[in-house]
Amino acid sequence: QVQLVESGGGSVQAGGSLRLSCAASGSTFGIADMGWYRQAPGNQRELVASISDDHTTNYADSVKGRFTISRDNAKNTVYLQMNSLKPEDTAVYYCKAKKIFGLQKGDYWGQGTQVTVSS
């Protein structure tokens, strides 16, 4: 099993910044892609950004140029630096890890962290 623990959420005014962290523990061998998703009330969960184990990144159009995803493979941790935040970024942000090698392959999710952006 893989456990994911997110931190760094909170409340901020529009234009502000937050940095989310997600630390993976447990059976971390074989984790490939890691990513951040978000879900606002009444909406489906959507991809925000993802990063492969060779640090190739992918971003939703709505966050390009404002958010940066990075990872530290030695620490099994992925980060999301969020700048120029907008009220529409308000959501619960979830970390996801895809394990493709070893035992118990599959997708793992964190518990979520709330991000609230006020205008």
Protein backbone atom coordinates (compact mmCIF):
# COMPACT_ATOMS: atom_id res chain seq x y z
CA GLN A 1 0.00 0.00 0.00
CA VAL A 2 0.97 3.61 -0.58
CA GLN A 3 -0.05 6.35 1.82
CA LEU A 4 -0.21 9.96 0.62
CA VAL A 5 -0.33 12.87 3.04
CA GLU A 6 -1.01 16.36 1.71
CA SER A 7 -0.24 19.63 3.46
CA GLY A 8 -0.10 23.33 2.69
CA GLY A 9 -3.70 24.20 1.95
CA GLY A 10 -5.42 27.20 3.46
CA SER A 11 -7.14 30.49 2.77
CA VAL A 12 -5.62 33.29 0.74
CA GLN A 13 -6.75 36.41 -1.06
CA ALA A 14 -6.85 36.60 -4.83
CA GLY A 15 -3.40 37.16 -6.25
CA GLY A 16 -1.74 35.32 -3.40
CA SER A 17 0.30 32.13 -3.35
CA LEU A 18 0.22 28.74 -1.68
CA ARG A 19 2.49 25.71 -1.86
CA LEU A 20 1.05 22.24 -1.50
CA SER A 21 3.13 19.21 -0.57
CA CYS A 22 2.32 15.52 -0.82
CA ALA A 23 4.54 12.93 0.82
CA ALA A 24 4.28 9.27 -0.18
CA SER A 25 5.14 6.50 2.24
CA GLY A 26 4.78 2.75 2.48
CA SER A 27 5.35 0.64 -0.62
CA THR A 28 6.63 3.48 -2.79
CA PHE A 29 8.77 1.38 -5.14
CA GLY A 30 7.27 1.54 -8.60
CA ILE A 31 5.54 4.91 -8.34
CA ALA A 32 5.67 6.56 -11.76
CA ASP A 33 3.37 9.54 -12.35
CA MET A 34 2.27 11.78 -9.52
CA GLY A 35 -0.23 14.57 -9.81
CA TRP A 36 -2.62 17.04 -8.29
CA TYR A 37 -6.35 17.06 -8.90
CA ARG A 38 -9.04 19.34 -7.53
CA GLN A 39 -12.74 19.19 -6.93
CA ALA A 40 -14.98 22.16 -6.31
CA PRO A 41 -18.51 21.74 -4.91
CA GLY A 42 -20.86 20.47 -7.60
CA ASN A 43 -18.02 19.79 -10.02
CA GLN A 44 -16.19 16.68 -11.09
CA ARG A 45 -12.64 16.06 -9.97
CA GLU A 46 -10.24 17.47 -12.56
CA LEU A 47 -6.55 17.23 -13.30
CA VAL A 48 -4.55 20.28 -12.27
CA ALA A 49 -1.00 19.09 -13.03
CA SER A 50 0.97 15.88 -13.29
CA ILE A 51 4.64 14.94 -13.35
CA SER A 52 6.30 11.73 -14.44
CA ASP A 53 9.26 10.09 -12.73
CA ASP A 54 11.54 11.71 -15.32
CA HIS A 55 10.00 15.10 -14.45
CA THR A 56 7.91 15.54 -17.60
CA THR A 57 5.03 17.85 -16.64
CA ASN A 58 1.48 18.41 -17.82
CA TYR A 59 -0.87 21.23 -16.81
CA ALA A 60 -4.52 22.07 -17.17
CA ASP A 61 -4.96 25.10 -19.43
CA SER A 62 -6.57 27.03 -16.58
CA VAL A 63 -3.40 26.94 -14.45
CA LYS A 64 -0.64 27.18 -17.06
CA GLY A 65 1.77 29.98 -16.23
CA ARG A 66 0.49 30.25 -12.64
CA PHE A 67 1.09 26.80 -11.10
CA THR A 68 4.28 24.76 -11.07
CA ILE A 69 4.50 21.08 -10.19
CA SER A 70 7.75 19.50 -9.05
CA ARG A 71 8.90 16.36 -7.27
CA ASP A 72 11.75 15.12 -5.15
CA ASN A 73 12.14 11.43 -5.93
CA ALA A 74 14.52 10.89 -3.03
CA LYS A 75 11.85 12.13 -0.62
CA ASN A 76 8.91 10.61 -2.53
CA THR A 77 7.30 14.04 -2.41
CA VAL A 78 5.46 16.10 -5.00
CA TYR A 79 4.84 19.84 -4.72
CA LEU A 80 2.43 22.31 -6.29
CA GLN A 81 3.44 25.96 -6.21
CA MET A 82 0.35 28.04 -6.86
CA ASN A 83 0.79 31.72 -7.71
CA SER A 84 -1.64 34.42 -8.83
CA LEU A 85 -4.48 32.49 -7.26
CA LYS A 86 -8.02 33.23 -8.37
CA PRO A 87 -11.36 32.60 -6.61
CA GLU A 88 -12.09 29.91 -9.20
CA ASP A 89 -9.10 27.95 -7.89
CA THR A 90 -11.08 27.31 -4.71
CA ALA A 91 -11.44 23.54 -4.30
CA VAL A 92 -10.27 20.52 -2.39
CA TYR A 93 -6.91 19.52 -3.85
CA TYR A 94 -6.00 15.84 -3.98
CA CYS A 95 -2.64 14.20 -4.57
CA LYS A 96 -2.51 11.07 -6.71
CA ALA A 97 0.26 8.53 -7.25
CA LYS A 98 0.28 5.85 -9.92
CA LYS A 99 2.19 2.72 -8.96
CA ILE A 100 3.12 0.66 -12.01
CA PHE A 101 5.72 -1.79 -10.65
CA GLY A 102 5.84 -4.18 -7.75
CA LEU A 103 3.01 -5.35 -5.55
CA GLN A 104 -0.36 -3.58 -5.26
CA LYS A 105 -0.11 -1.64 -8.47
CA GLY A 106 -2.73 1.01 -9.03
CA ASP A 107 -3.79 4.57 -8.28
CA TYR A 108 -3.53 5.97 -4.78
CA TRP A 109 -5.12 9.16 -3.48
CA GLY A 110 -4.49 11.47 -0.56
CA GLN A 111 -7.21 12.69 1.77
CA GLY A 112 -7.37 16.14 0.19
CA THR A 113 -6.51 19.63 1.38
CA GLN A 114 -8.80 22.65 1.13
CA VAL A 115 -7.71 25.71 -0.82
CA THR A 116 -9.92 28.78 -0.52
CA VAL A 117 -9.26 31.95 -2.52
CA SER A 118 -11.28 35.02 -1.63
CA SER A 119 -11.83 38.00 -3.90
